[in-house]
N, C-alpha and C. Protein backbone atom coordinates (compact mmCIF):
# COMPACT_ATOMS: atom_id res chain seq x y z
N MET A 1 0.84 -1.17 0.00
CA MET A 1 0.00 0.00 0.00
C MET A 1 0.90 1.25 0.00
N ALA A 2 0.51 2.23 -0.81
CA ALA A 2 1.31 3.46 -0.93
C ALA A 2 1.09 4.35 0.29
N GLU A 3 2.15 5.05 0.65
CA GLU A 3 2.05 5.98 1.77
C GLU A 3 1.21 7.19 1.35
N PRO A 4 0.39 7.71 2.26
CA PRO A 4 -0.38 8.90 1.90
C PRO A 4 0.53 10.10 1.74
N ARG A 5 0.21 10.93 0.77
CA ARG A 5 1.00 12.13 0.56
C ARG A 5 0.57 13.21 1.53
N VAL A 6 1.52 13.89 2.08
CA VAL A 6 1.24 14.98 3.00
C VAL A 6 1.49 16.29 2.26
N LEU A 7 0.45 17.12 2.19
CA LEU A 7 0.59 18.41 1.54
C LEU A 7 0.96 19.45 2.57
N THR A 8 1.97 20.21 2.27
CA THR A 8 2.38 21.28 3.18
C THR A 8 2.22 22.61 2.47
N ALA A 9 1.94 23.61 3.24
CA ALA A 9 1.80 24.95 2.67
C ALA A 9 3.18 25.51 2.40
N VAL A 10 3.44 25.79 1.14
CA VAL A 10 4.72 26.37 0.75
C VAL A 10 4.44 27.80 0.32
N PRO A 11 5.09 28.77 0.94
CA PRO A 11 4.83 30.15 0.54
C PRO A 11 5.19 30.37 -0.92
N GLU A 12 4.34 31.10 -1.61
CA GLU A 12 4.59 31.38 -3.02
C GLU A 12 5.81 32.29 -3.14
N LEU A 13 6.76 31.86 -3.91
CA LEU A 13 7.96 32.66 -4.11
C LEU A 13 7.72 33.64 -5.24
N ALA A 14 8.00 34.89 -5.00
CA ALA A 14 7.84 35.90 -6.02
C ALA A 14 8.99 35.80 -7.01
N ASP A 15 8.65 35.79 -8.27
CA ASP A 15 9.67 35.73 -9.32
C ASP A 15 10.25 37.13 -9.50
N PRO A 16 11.49 37.35 -9.06
CA PRO A 16 12.06 38.69 -9.14
C PRO A 16 12.32 39.17 -10.57
N SER A 17 12.24 38.25 -11.54
CA SER A 17 12.51 38.65 -12.92
C SER A 17 11.29 39.26 -13.61
N LEU A 18 10.11 39.17 -12.97
CA LEU A 18 8.91 39.73 -13.58
C LEU A 18 8.97 41.26 -13.54
N VAL A 19 8.70 41.86 -14.68
CA VAL A 19 8.70 43.31 -14.77
C VAL A 19 7.29 43.86 -14.54
N LEU A 20 6.31 43.18 -15.09
CA LEU A 20 4.92 43.57 -14.93
C LEU A 20 4.16 42.46 -14.21
N LEU A 21 3.34 42.86 -13.25
CA LEU A 21 2.56 41.90 -12.46
C LEU A 21 1.08 42.07 -12.75
N THR A 22 0.33 40.99 -12.61
CA THR A 22 -1.12 41.14 -12.64
C THR A 22 -1.53 41.83 -11.35
N VAL A 23 -2.73 42.35 -11.31
CA VAL A 23 -3.21 43.00 -10.09
C VAL A 23 -3.27 41.97 -8.96
N GLU A 24 -3.62 40.73 -9.28
CA GLU A 24 -3.67 39.67 -8.27
C GLU A 24 -2.29 39.40 -7.69
N GLU A 25 -1.27 39.35 -8.55
CA GLU A 25 0.10 39.14 -8.07
C GLU A 25 0.57 40.30 -7.20
N ALA A 26 0.21 41.52 -7.61
CA ALA A 26 0.56 42.70 -6.81
C ALA A 26 -0.11 42.62 -5.44
N ALA A 27 -1.36 42.22 -5.41
CA ALA A 27 -2.09 42.09 -4.15
C ALA A 27 -1.43 41.06 -3.23
N ARG A 28 -1.01 39.94 -3.80
CA ARG A 28 -0.35 38.91 -3.00
C ARG A 28 0.96 39.42 -2.42
N ARG A 29 1.71 40.18 -3.22
CA ARG A 29 2.99 40.71 -2.72
C ARG A 29 2.79 41.72 -1.60
N LEU A 30 1.70 42.50 -1.70
CA LEU A 30 1.41 43.49 -0.66
C LEU A 30 0.64 42.88 0.52
N ARG A 31 0.21 41.64 0.36
CA ARG A 31 -0.58 40.95 1.39
C ARG A 31 -1.90 41.68 1.67
N ILE A 32 -2.54 42.13 0.55
CA ILE A 32 -3.86 42.75 0.65
C ILE A 32 -4.80 41.99 -0.27
N GLY A 33 -6.07 42.26 -0.14
CA GLY A 33 -7.06 41.60 -0.98
C GLY A 33 -7.01 42.08 -2.42
N ARG A 34 -7.47 41.22 -3.30
CA ARG A 34 -7.50 41.54 -4.73
C ARG A 34 -8.39 42.75 -5.00
N THR A 35 -9.56 42.80 -4.37
CA THR A 35 -10.49 43.90 -4.58
C THR A 35 -9.89 45.22 -4.09
N THR A 36 -9.23 45.19 -2.94
CA THR A 36 -8.57 46.38 -2.41
C THR A 36 -7.49 46.85 -3.37
N CYS A 37 -6.73 45.93 -3.91
CA CYS A 37 -5.66 46.28 -4.84
C CYS A 37 -6.25 46.90 -6.12
N PHE A 38 -7.33 46.33 -6.62
CA PHE A 38 -7.98 46.91 -7.80
C PHE A 38 -8.44 48.34 -7.51
N LYS A 39 -9.00 48.58 -6.32
CA LYS A 39 -9.44 49.92 -5.96
C LYS A 39 -8.27 50.90 -5.92
N LEU A 40 -7.14 50.46 -5.36
CA LEU A 40 -5.96 51.31 -5.30
C LEU A 40 -5.42 51.61 -6.69
N VAL A 41 -5.46 50.62 -7.57
CA VAL A 41 -4.99 50.81 -8.95
C VAL A 41 -5.91 51.78 -9.67
N LEU A 42 -7.22 51.58 -9.56
CA LEU A 42 -8.17 52.45 -10.26
C LEU A 42 -8.15 53.87 -9.72
N ALA A 43 -7.83 54.03 -8.42
CA ALA A 43 -7.73 55.36 -7.82
C ALA A 43 -6.40 56.03 -8.17
N GLY A 44 -5.48 55.30 -8.78
CA GLY A 44 -4.19 55.86 -9.14
C GLY A 44 -3.17 55.85 -8.01
N GLU A 45 -3.50 55.21 -6.89
CA GLU A 45 -2.57 55.16 -5.77
C GLU A 45 -1.43 54.18 -6.03
N ILE A 46 -1.72 53.14 -6.79
CA ILE A 46 -0.69 52.20 -7.25
C ILE A 46 -0.60 52.37 -8.76
N GLU A 47 0.60 52.63 -9.24
CA GLU A 47 0.80 52.84 -10.68
C GLU A 47 0.46 51.57 -11.44
N SER A 48 -0.16 51.76 -12.61
CA SER A 48 -0.45 50.62 -13.47
C SER A 48 -0.37 51.05 -14.93
N VAL A 49 -0.27 50.07 -15.79
CA VAL A 49 -0.23 50.32 -17.23
C VAL A 49 -1.19 49.35 -17.90
N THR A 50 -1.62 49.70 -19.10
CA THR A 50 -2.42 48.75 -19.86
C THR A 50 -1.58 48.20 -21.00
N VAL A 51 -1.70 46.91 -21.19
CA VAL A 51 -1.04 46.23 -22.29
C VAL A 51 -2.17 45.59 -23.09
N GLY A 52 -2.52 46.23 -24.20
CA GLY A 52 -3.71 45.78 -24.91
C GLY A 52 -4.93 46.06 -24.04
N ARG A 53 -5.63 45.00 -23.67
CA ARG A 53 -6.79 45.15 -22.79
C ARG A 53 -6.47 44.73 -21.36
N LEU A 54 -5.21 44.42 -21.09
CA LEU A 54 -4.81 43.92 -19.78
C LEU A 54 -4.26 45.02 -18.89
N ARG A 55 -4.58 44.98 -17.62
CA ARG A 55 -4.05 45.94 -16.64
C ARG A 55 -2.89 45.27 -15.93
N ARG A 56 -1.74 45.91 -15.91
CA ARG A 56 -0.56 45.37 -15.26
C ARG A 56 0.04 46.40 -14.32
N VAL A 57 0.69 45.92 -13.26
CA VAL A 57 1.34 46.78 -12.28
C VAL A 57 2.85 46.59 -12.41
N PRO A 58 3.60 47.66 -12.69
CA PRO A 58 5.06 47.52 -12.73
C PRO A 58 5.58 47.06 -11.37
N ALA A 59 6.52 46.14 -11.37
CA ALA A 59 7.04 45.58 -10.11
C ALA A 59 7.60 46.68 -9.21
N GLU A 60 8.22 47.71 -9.79
CA GLU A 60 8.79 48.77 -8.96
C GLU A 60 7.73 49.71 -8.40
N ALA A 61 6.48 49.59 -8.84
CA ALA A 61 5.40 50.43 -8.31
C ALA A 61 5.04 50.03 -6.89
N LEU A 62 5.28 48.78 -6.52
CA LEU A 62 4.92 48.32 -5.17
C LEU A 62 5.80 48.93 -4.09
N PRO A 63 7.13 48.90 -4.22
CA PRO A 63 7.95 49.58 -3.22
C PRO A 63 7.66 51.09 -3.19
N ALA A 64 7.36 51.68 -4.34
CA ALA A 64 7.04 53.11 -4.38
C ALA A 64 5.77 53.39 -3.60
N TYR A 65 4.78 52.52 -3.71
CA TYR A 65 3.52 52.69 -2.97
C TYR A 65 3.77 52.56 -1.47
N VAL A 66 4.56 51.60 -1.06
CA VAL A 66 4.86 51.41 0.37
C VAL A 66 5.62 52.63 0.90
N THR A 67 6.56 53.14 0.13
CA THR A 67 7.31 54.34 0.53
C THR A 67 6.36 55.51 0.70
N GLN A 68 5.42 55.65 -0.22
CA GLN A 68 4.42 56.72 -0.15
C GLN A 68 3.59 56.58 1.13
N LEU A 69 3.18 55.38 1.48
CA LEU A 69 2.41 55.16 2.71
C LEU A 69 3.23 55.53 3.94
N ARG A 70 4.50 55.13 3.94
CA ARG A 70 5.36 55.41 5.09
C ARG A 70 5.60 56.91 5.23
N THR A 71 5.75 57.61 4.11
CA THR A 71 5.95 59.06 4.14
C THR A 71 4.72 59.76 4.69
N GLN A 72 3.54 59.32 4.27
CA GLN A 72 2.29 59.90 4.78
C GLN A 72 2.17 59.67 6.28
N LEU A 73 2.56 58.50 6.73
CA LEU A 73 2.47 58.17 8.15
C LEU A 73 3.37 59.08 8.97
N ARG A 74 4.57 59.38 8.46
CA ARG A 74 5.52 60.23 9.19
C ARG A 74 5.05 61.68 9.25
N ARG A 75 4.29 62.11 8.25
CA ARG A 75 3.85 63.50 8.18
C ARG A 75 2.62 63.77 9.05
N ARG A 76 1.91 62.74 9.46
CA ARG A 76 0.73 62.94 10.30
C ARG A 76 1.13 63.45 11.66
N PRO A 77 0.39 64.43 12.16
CA PRO A 77 0.70 64.91 13.53
C PRO A 77 0.29 63.86 14.54
N ALA A 78 1.06 63.79 15.62
CA ALA A 78 0.76 62.83 16.68
C ALA A 78 -0.53 63.23 17.38
N VAL A 79 -1.36 62.26 17.68
CA VAL A 79 -2.62 62.51 18.35
C VAL A 79 -2.39 62.35 19.86
N ALA A 80 -2.70 63.38 20.62
CA ALA A 80 -2.52 63.32 22.07
C ALA A 80 -3.64 62.49 22.70
N ALA A 81 -3.27 61.65 23.61
CA ALA A 81 -4.25 60.77 24.26
C ALA A 81 -4.89 61.45 25.44
């Protein structure tokens, strides 16, 4: 009798050679939902390009978005408790 196969969760490795990502791939890299990522793309908060009829996110747009979020966070005045 064959041994049962055990499936383990392996984190998806991001392919660093990809220049353009699908919105779903961008969402996975940012650890946010697909719908949230689409909203950010459509609002222009995350840079995107169209290739034919496809919407793609440049890989370098993700670190730029995170930097933008961190900069906004630093500029907010501290709220006194």
